[in-house]
Amino acid sequence: IRTHSFIYLESVALLCKIIYLNISNNVSKIIFLNNQFKTTFMQYYDLNKNKIISNSVREITIIAAAAKNDTLGKENKLIWDLPQDLKRFKSLTSGHSVIMGRKTFESMKKPLPNRRNIVITRNKNYTAKDVEICYGIQEALVLVKDDSKPFIIGGGEIYKLSMELADCIELTRIHHNFEGDTFFPIIPKNNWKLISNKKNITSNKNNLNFSYLKYIRKKR
């Protein structure tokens, strides 16, 4: 969808305007034909400005570190300590928006520097210093529409909700099983193509072996 011409996007916008039930900025008052249509609308149409979002070409990237059994963490904490991976995470995400769930943000204690921090929560009364609050992944993606490469950084539920929206996955795969209570979703092979696999890196700190995997979405 993102590589199609603006003719398609104009059609999406026009149809959304035709079926708009009320003059309101409340997206819940729009009837959508299906979830894919809603996703397209939320990413490319700015309700507040009543126009198509100008920066339609971007790469929405999921970035995560997961164990062999897909474990992400336990009790809202990382299980491993991989300084090399943290350095890589910082290098990739610096200067970009990072979108995360409330629990992920609270596990970090403070916003990530040199990045626009977006926190998703269902709690309408939630507040935090130096972050922007959203109430859904689509809303967060609209908020960062001018970022050419926003990153989705967790946790498990946010990753799951983002799998149909993302264009790229940067996954650090740790070649060990860990017990945990949060898991990375299964990557459907029919939707994703592995284009890079930097194998068998060994942590200098704890001798854990891991690989850097990069997936891109196959053409829809």
C-alpha atoms as a PDB file:
ATOM      1  CA  ILE A   1       0.000   0.000   0.000  1.00  0.00           C
ATOM      2  CA  ARG A   2       2.742   2.445   0.941  1.00  0.00           C
ATOM      3  CA  THR A   3       4.346   2.215  -2.521  1.00  0.00           C
ATOM      4  CA  HIS A   4       1.141   2.913  -4.446  1.00  0.00           C
ATOM      5  CA  SER A   5       0.383   6.280  -5.978  1.00  0.00           C
ATOM      6  CA  PHE A   6      -1.507   9.018  -4.231  1.00  0.00           C
ATOM      7  CA  ILE A   7      -4.470   8.226  -6.483  1.00  0.00           C
ATOM      8  CA  TYR A   8      -5.158   5.251  -4.229  1.00  0.00           C
ATOM      9  CA  LEU A   9      -4.686   7.312  -1.097  1.00  0.00           C
ATOM     10  CA  GLU A  10      -6.969  10.045  -2.407  1.00  0.00           C
ATOM     11  CA  SER A  11      -9.605   7.368  -3.011  1.00  0.00           C
ATOM     12  CA  VAL A  12      -9.204   6.083   0.532  1.00  0.00           C
ATOM     13  CA  ALA A  13      -9.535   9.596   1.916  1.00  0.00           C
ATOM     14  CA  LEU A  14     -12.552  10.410  -0.237  1.00  0.00           C
ATOM     15  CA  LEU A  15     -14.388   7.240   0.708  1.00  0.00           C
ATOM     16  CA  CYS A  16     -13.665   7.850   4.383  1.00  0.00           C
ATOM     17  CA  LYS A  17     -15.081  11.357   4.075  1.00  0.00           C
ATOM     18  CA  ILE A  18     -18.207  10.048   2.332  1.00  0.00           C
ATOM     19  CA  ILE A  19     -18.979   7.584   5.138  1.00  0.00           C
ATOM     20  CA  TYR A  20     -18.077   9.973   7.943  1.00  0.00           C
ATOM     21  CA  LEU A  21     -21.072  10.122  10.279  1.00  0.00           C
ATOM     22  CA  ASN A  22     -20.408  13.413  12.025  1.00  0.00           C
ATOM     23  CA  ILE A  23     -18.215  16.499  11.811  1.00  0.00           C
ATOM     24  CA  SER A  24     -15.824  15.337  14.484  1.00  0.00           C
ATOM     25  CA  ASN A  25     -12.187  14.463  15.075  1.00  0.00           C
ATOM     26  CA  ASN A  26     -13.263  11.255  16.781  1.00  0.00           C
ATOM     27  CA  VAL A  27     -12.128   8.362  14.578  1.00  0.00           C
ATOM     28  CA  SER A  28     -14.534   6.041  16.386  1.00  0.00           C
ATOM     29  CA  LYS A  29     -17.372   7.797  14.538  1.00  0.00           C
ATOM     30  CA  ILE A  30     -16.170   6.502  11.173  1.00  0.00           C
ATOM     31  CA  ILE A  31     -17.541   3.290   9.696  1.00  0.00           C
ATOM     32  CA  PHE A  32     -14.708   1.218   8.224  1.00  0.00           C
ATOM     33  CA  LEU A  33     -15.207  -1.567   5.723  1.00  0.00           C
ATOM     34  CA  ASN A  34     -12.533  -3.745   7.374  1.00  0.00           C
ATOM     35  CA  ASN A  35      -9.480  -3.537   9.627  1.00  0.00           C
ATOM     36  CA  GLN A  36      -7.039  -3.182   6.738  1.00  0.00           C
ATOM     37  CA  PHE A  37      -8.983  -0.200   5.438  1.00  0.00           C
ATOM     38  CA  LYS A  38      -8.956   1.346   8.913  1.00  0.00           C
ATOM     39  CA  THR A  39      -5.193   0.826   9.187  1.00  0.00           C
ATOM     40  CA  THR A  40      -4.628   2.540   5.838  1.00  0.00           C
ATOM     41  CA  PHE A  41      -6.853   5.448   6.826  1.00  0.00           C
ATOM     42  CA  MET A  42      -5.126   5.963  10.176  1.00  0.00           C
ATOM     43  CA  GLN A  43      -1.674   5.971   8.602  1.00  0.00           C
ATOM     44  CA  TYR A  44      -2.376   8.269   5.658  1.00  0.00           C
ATOM     45  CA  TYR A  45      -5.167  10.633   6.642  1.00  0.00           C
ATOM     46  CA  ASP A  46      -4.901  13.409   9.203  1.00  0.00           C
ATOM     47  CA  LEU A  47      -8.321  13.960  10.778  1.00  0.00           C
ATOM     48  CA  ASN A  48      -7.331  17.186  12.504  1.00  0.00           C
ATOM     49  CA  LYS A  49      -6.072  18.823   9.309  1.00  0.00           C
ATOM     50  CA  ASN A  50      -8.593  17.035   7.064  1.00  0.00           C
ATOM     51  CA  LYS A  51      -5.942  16.013   4.534  1.00  0.00           C
ATOM     52  CA  ILE A  52      -3.703  13.154   3.497  1.00  0.00           C
ATOM     53  CA  ILE A  53      -0.478  12.833   5.462  1.00  0.00           C
ATOM     54  CA  SER A  54       2.334  14.171   3.304  1.00  0.00           C
ATOM     55  CA  ASN A  55       5.089  11.728   4.242  1.00  0.00           C
ATOM     56  CA  SER A  56       3.564   8.489   2.967  1.00  0.00           C
ATOM     57  CA  VAL A  57       6.856   6.693   2.303  1.00  0.00           C
ATOM     58  CA  ARG A  58       8.379   5.479   5.535  1.00  0.00           C
ATOM     59  CA  GLU A  59       9.697   2.312   7.094  1.00  0.00           C
ATOM     60  CA  ILE A  60       7.920   1.294  10.270  1.00  0.00           C
ATOM     61  CA  THR A  61      10.393  -0.936  12.089  1.00  0.00           C
ATOM     62  CA  ILE A  62       9.900  -3.394  14.918  1.00  0.00           C
ATOM     63  CA  ILE A  63      13.084  -3.806  16.936  1.00  0.00           C
ATOM     64  CA  ALA A  64      13.435  -6.471  19.615  1.00  0.00           C
ATOM     65  CA  ALA A  65      15.705  -8.980  21.321  1.00  0.00           C
ATOM     66  CA  ALA A  66      14.158 -12.397  21.872  1.00  0.00           C
ATOM     67  CA  ALA A  67      15.375 -15.758  23.120  1.00  0.00           C
ATOM     68  CA  LYS A  68      15.289 -18.970  21.103  1.00  0.00           C
ATOM     69  CA  ASN A  69      11.871 -19.713  22.627  1.00  0.00           C
ATOM     70  CA  ASP A  70      10.692 -16.126  21.879  1.00  0.00           C
ATOM     71  CA  THR A  71      10.986 -14.929  25.483  1.00  0.00           C
ATOM     72  CA  LEU A  72      11.355 -11.157  25.778  1.00  0.00           C
ATOM     73  CA  GLY A  73      11.519 -10.709  29.529  1.00  0.00           C
ATOM     74  CA  LYS A  74      10.186 -11.617  32.936  1.00  0.00           C
ATOM     75  CA  GLU A  75       8.373  -9.467  35.494  1.00  0.00           C
ATOM     76  CA  ASN A  76       8.857  -6.418  33.271  1.00  0.00           C
ATOM     77  CA  LYS A  77      12.640  -6.836  33.187  1.00  0.00           C
ATOM     78  CA  LEU A  78      15.213  -8.008  30.664  1.00  0.00           C
ATOM     79  CA  ILE A  79      16.651 -11.421  31.490  1.00  0.00           C
ATOM     80  CA  TRP A  80      20.017 -10.950  29.764  1.00  0.00           C
ATOM     81  CA  ASP A  81      22.657  -8.257  29.607  1.00  0.00           C
ATOM     82  CA  LEU A  82      24.062  -7.705  26.106  1.00  0.00           C
ATOM     83  CA  PRO A  83      26.004  -4.424  25.922  1.00  0.00           C
ATOM     84  CA  GLN A  84      26.747  -4.968  22.215  1.00  0.00           C
ATOM     85  CA  ASP A  85      23.067  -5.236  21.433  1.00  0.00           C
ATOM     86  CA  LEU A  86      22.171  -2.184  23.523  1.00  0.00           C
ATOM     87  CA  LYS A  87      24.817  -0.194  21.632  1.00  0.00           C
ATOM     88  CA  ARG A  88      23.335  -1.336  18.324  1.00  0.00           C
ATOM     89  CA  PHE A  89      19.809  -0.475  19.507  1.00  0.00           C
ATOM     90  CA  LYS A  90      20.960   3.032  20.380  1.00  0.00           C
ATOM     91  CA  SER A  91      22.707   3.466  17.035  1.00  0.00           C
ATOM     92  CA  LEU A  92      19.644   2.368  15.035  1.00  0.00           C
ATOM     93  CA  THR A  93      17.007   4.294  16.967  1.00  0.00           C
ATOM     94  CA  SER A  94      18.777   7.564  17.791  1.00  0.00           C
ATOM     95  CA  GLY A  95      17.173  10.526  16.082  1.00  0.00           C
ATOM     96  CA  HIS A  96      13.930   8.652  15.491  1.00  0.00           C
ATOM     97  CA  SER A  97      10.635   8.080  17.274  1.00  0.00           C
ATOM     98  CA  VAL A  98      10.328   5.089  19.581  1.00  0.00           C
ATOM     99  CA  ILE A  99       6.858   3.705  20.275  1.00  0.00           C
ATOM    100  CA  MET A 100       6.307   1.522  23.322  1.00  0.00           C
ATOM    101  CA  GLY A 101       3.724   0.257  25.763  1.00  0.00           C
ATOM    102  CA  ARG A 102       3.386   1.674  29.253  1.00  0.00           C
ATOM    103  CA  LYS A 103       5.050  -1.302  30.945  1.00  0.00           C
ATOM    104  CA  THR A 104       8.056  -1.085  28.651  1.00  0.00           C
ATOM    105  CA  PHE A 105       8.419   2.613  29.391  1.00  0.00           C
ATOM    106  CA  GLU A 106       8.155   2.091  33.135  1.00  0.00           C
ATOM    107  CA  SER A 107      10.806  -0.625  32.988  1.00  0.00           C
ATOM    108  CA  MET A 108      13.238   1.957  31.531  1.00  0.00           C
ATOM    109  CA  LYS A 109      12.628   4.444  34.372  1.00  0.00           C
ATOM    110  CA  LYS A 110      13.081   7.460  32.061  1.00  0.00           C
ATOM    111  CA  PRO A 111      12.675   8.422  28.380  1.00  0.00           C
ATOM    112  CA  LEU A 112      15.367   7.401  25.928  1.00  0.00           C
ATOM    113  CA  PRO A 113      17.567  10.410  25.057  1.00  0.00           C
ATOM    114  CA  ASN A 114      17.811  11.802  21.530  1.00  0.00           C
ATOM    115  CA  ARG A 115      14.568  10.074  20.573  1.00  0.00           C
ATOM    116  CA  ARG A 116      10.918  11.042  20.497  1.00  0.00           C
ATOM    117  CA  ASN A 117       9.295   8.808  23.109  1.00  0.00           C
ATOM    118  CA  ILE A 118       5.701   7.718  22.467  1.00  0.00           C
ATOM    119  CA  VAL A 119       3.927   5.681  25.163  1.00  0.00           C
ATOM    120  CA  ILE A 120       0.755   3.693  24.483  1.00  0.00           C
ATOM    121  CA  THR A 121      -1.667   3.082  27.328  1.00  0.00           C
ATOM    122  CA  ARG A 122      -5.368   2.416  27.857  1.00  0.00           C
ATOM    123  CA  ASN A 123      -5.344   4.650  30.932  1.00  0.00           C
ATOM    124  CA  LYS A 124      -6.762   8.022  29.913  1.00  0.00           C
ATOM    125  CA  ASN A 125      -5.383   9.584  33.103  1.00  0.00           C
ATOM    126  CA  TYR A 126      -1.816   8.364  32.638  1.00  0.00           C
ATOM    127  CA  THR A 127       0.901  11.007  32.615  1.00  0.00           C
ATOM    128  CA  ALA A 128       4.693  10.894  32.431  1.00  0.00           C
ATOM    129  CA  LYS A 129       7.379  13.500  32.027  1.00  0.00           C
ATOM    130  CA  ASP A 130       9.007  14.121  28.643  1.00  0.00           C
ATOM    131  CA  VAL A 131       6.928  11.579  26.722  1.00  0.00           C
ATOM    132  CA  GLU A 132       3.842  11.759  24.515  1.00  0.00           C
ATOM    133  CA  ILE A 133       0.844   9.621  25.393  1.00  0.00           C
ATOM    134  CA  CYS A 134      -1.317   7.714  22.898  1.00  0.00           C
ATOM    135  CA  TYR A 135      -4.153   5.259  23.346  1.00  0.00           C
ATOM    136  CA  GLY A 136      -3.502   2.920  20.423  1.00  0.00           C
ATOM    137  CA  ILE A 137      -0.849   1.901  17.915  1.00  0.00           C
ATOM    138  CA  GLN A 138      -2.608   3.573  14.971  1.00  0.00           C
ATOM    139  CA  GLU A 139      -2.799   6.850  16.869  1.00  0.00           C
ATOM    140  CA  ALA A 140       0.909   6.599  17.678  1.00  0.00           C
ATOM    141  CA  LEU A 141       1.820   6.037  14.022  1.00  0.00           C
ATOM    142  CA  VAL A 142      -0.199   9.060  12.951  1.00  0.00           C
ATOM    143  CA  LEU A 143       1.571  11.128  15.606  1.00  0.00           C
ATOM    144  CA  VAL A 144       4.999  10.222  14.159  1.00  0.00           C
ATOM    145  CA  LYS A 145       3.918  10.497  10.526  1.00  0.00           C
ATOM    146  CA  ASP A 146       6.825  12.812   9.651  1.00  0.00           C
ATOM    147  CA  ASP A 147       9.458  10.334  10.868  1.00  0.00           C
ATOM    148  CA  SER A 148      10.845   8.316   7.958  1.00  0.00           C
ATOM    149  CA  LYS A 149      11.720   5.404  10.239  1.00  0.00           C
ATOM    150  CA  PRO A 150       9.771   5.149  13.506  1.00  0.00           C
ATOM    151  CA  PHE A 151      10.663   2.204  15.737  1.00  0.00           C
ATOM    152  CA  ILE A 152       8.324   0.002  17.757  1.00  0.00           C
ATOM    153  CA  ILE A 153      10.272  -1.200  20.788  1.00  0.00           C
ATOM    154  CA  GLY A 154       7.846  -3.309  22.807  1.00  0.00           C
ATOM    155  CA  GLY A 155       6.509  -4.944  24.744  1.00  0.00           C
ATOM    156  CA  GLY A 156       4.922  -8.214  23.702  1.00  0.00           C
ATOM    157  CA  GLU A 157       1.376  -6.956  23.165  1.00  0.00           C
ATOM    158  CA  ILE A 158       2.536  -3.892  21.220  1.00  0.00           C
ATOM    159  CA  TYR A 159       4.700  -6.114  19.005  1.00  0.00           C
ATOM    160  CA  LYS A 160       1.701  -8.342  18.337  1.00  0.00           C
ATOM    161  CA  LEU A 161      -0.500  -5.399  17.390  1.00  0.00           C
ATOM    162  CA  SER A 162       2.230  -3.999  15.140  1.00  0.00           C
ATOM    163  CA  MET A 163       2.987  -7.084  13.059  1.00  0.00           C
ATOM    164  CA  GLU A 164       0.428  -6.176  10.391  1.00  0.00           C
ATOM    165  CA  LEU A 165       1.553  -2.539  10.317  1.00  0.00           C
ATOM    166  CA  ALA A 166       5.344  -2.816  10.199  1.00  0.00           C
ATOM    167  CA  ASP A 167       7.586  -2.887   7.133  1.00  0.00           C
ATOM    168  CA  CYS A 168      10.756  -4.193   8.763  1.00  0.00           C
ATOM    169  CA  ILE A 169      11.829  -6.275  11.767  1.00  0.00           C
ATOM    170  CA  GLU A 170      15.259  -5.889  13.377  1.00  0.00           C
ATOM    171  CA  LEU A 171      15.491  -8.925  15.644  1.00  0.00           C
ATOM    172  CA  THR A 172      18.329  -9.938  17.926  1.00  0.00           C
ATOM    173  CA  ARG A 173      17.878 -13.695  18.320  1.00  0.00           C
ATOM    174  CA  ILE A 174      19.571 -15.075  21.433  1.00  0.00           C
ATOM    175  CA  HIS A 175      20.415 -18.752  20.936  1.00  0.00           C
ATOM    176  CA  HIS A 176      19.300 -19.904  24.364  1.00  0.00           C
ATOM    177  CA  ASN A 177      15.960 -20.657  25.971  1.00  0.00           C
ATOM    178  CA  PHE A 178      14.839 -18.529  28.918  1.00  0.00           C
ATOM    179  CA  GLU A 179      11.857 -18.655  31.215  1.00  0.00           C
ATOM    180  CA  GLY A 180       9.718 -15.557  31.019  1.00  0.00           C
ATOM    181  CA  ASP A 181       6.225 -14.106  30.940  1.00  0.00           C
ATOM    182  CA  THR A 182       6.441 -11.901  27.827  1.00  0.00           C
ATOM    183  CA  PHE A 183       7.003 -13.258  24.337  1.00  0.00           C
ATOM    184  CA  PHE A 184       7.753 -12.050  20.832  1.00  0.00           C
ATOM    185  CA  PRO A 185       5.066 -13.033  18.315  1.00  0.00           C
ATOM    186  CA  ILE A 186       5.735 -15.685  15.698  1.00  0.00           C
ATOM    187  CA  ILE A 187       6.939 -14.156  12.425  1.00  0.00           C
ATOM    188  CA  PRO A 188       4.718 -15.544   9.626  1.00  0.00           C
ATOM    189  CA  LYS A 189       7.010 -16.812   6.844  1.00  0.00           C
ATOM    190  CA  ASN A 190       4.393 -16.104   4.206  1.00  0.00           C
ATOM    191  CA  ASN A 191       4.442 -12.390   5.142  1.00  0.00           C
ATOM    192  CA  TRP A 192       8.102 -11.782   5.935  1.00  0.00           C
ATOM    193  CA  LYS A 193      11.404 -12.363   4.140  1.00  0.00           C
ATOM    194  CA  LEU A 194      14.724 -12.750   5.953  1.00  0.00           C
ATOM    195  CA  ILE A 195      17.251 -10.558   4.116  1.00  0.00           C
ATOM    196  CA  SER A 196      20.126 -10.430   6.585  1.00  0.00           C
ATOM    197  CA  ASN A 197      21.493 -12.827   9.190  1.00  0.00           C
ATOM    198  CA  LYS A 198      24.657 -11.913  11.048  1.00  0.00           C
ATOM    199  CA  LYS A 199      25.232 -15.193  12.863  1.00  0.00           C
ATOM    200  CA  ASN A 200      26.837 -16.448  16.031  1.00  0.00           C
ATOM    201  CA  ILE A 201      27.985 -13.297  17.745  1.00  0.00           C
ATOM    202  CA  THR A 202      29.274 -13.956  21.255  1.00  0.00           C
ATOM    203  CA  SER A 203      28.690 -11.519  24.081  1.00  0.00           C
ATOM    204  CA  ASN A 204      31.895 -10.216  25.602  1.00  0.00           C
ATOM    205  CA  LYS A 205      30.213 -10.084  28.994  1.00  0.00           C
ATOM    206  CA  ASN A 206      28.450 -13.426  29.537  1.00  0.00           C
ATOM    207  CA  ASN A 207      29.293 -15.653  26.547  1.00  0.00           C
ATOM    208  CA  LEU A 208      25.733 -15.687  25.229  1.00  0.00           C
ATOM    209  CA  ASN A 209      25.528 -16.402  21.503  1.00  0.00           C
ATOM    210  CA  PHE A 210      23.151 -14.358  19.388  1.00  0.00           C
ATOM    211  CA  SER A 211      22.451 -13.263  15.819  1.00  0.00           C
ATOM    212  CA  TYR A 212      21.144 -10.104  14.185  1.00  0.00           C
ATOM    213  CA  LEU A 213      18.237 -10.890  11.859  1.00  0.00           C
ATOM    214  CA  LYS A 214      16.569  -8.434   9.519  1.00  0.00           C
ATOM    215  CA  TYR A 215      13.198  -9.144   7.904  1.00  0.00           C
ATOM    216  CA  ILE A 216      11.252  -7.097   5.409  1.00  0.00           C
ATOM    217  CA  ARG A 217       7.588  -7.481   4.589  1.00  0.00           C
ATOM    218  CA  LYS A 218       6.820  -9.269   1.361  1.00  0.00           C
ATOM    219  CA  LYS A 219       4.791  -7.325  -1.176  1.00  0.00           C
ATOM    220  CA  ARG A 220       1.119  -7.431  -0.310  1.00  0.00           C
END
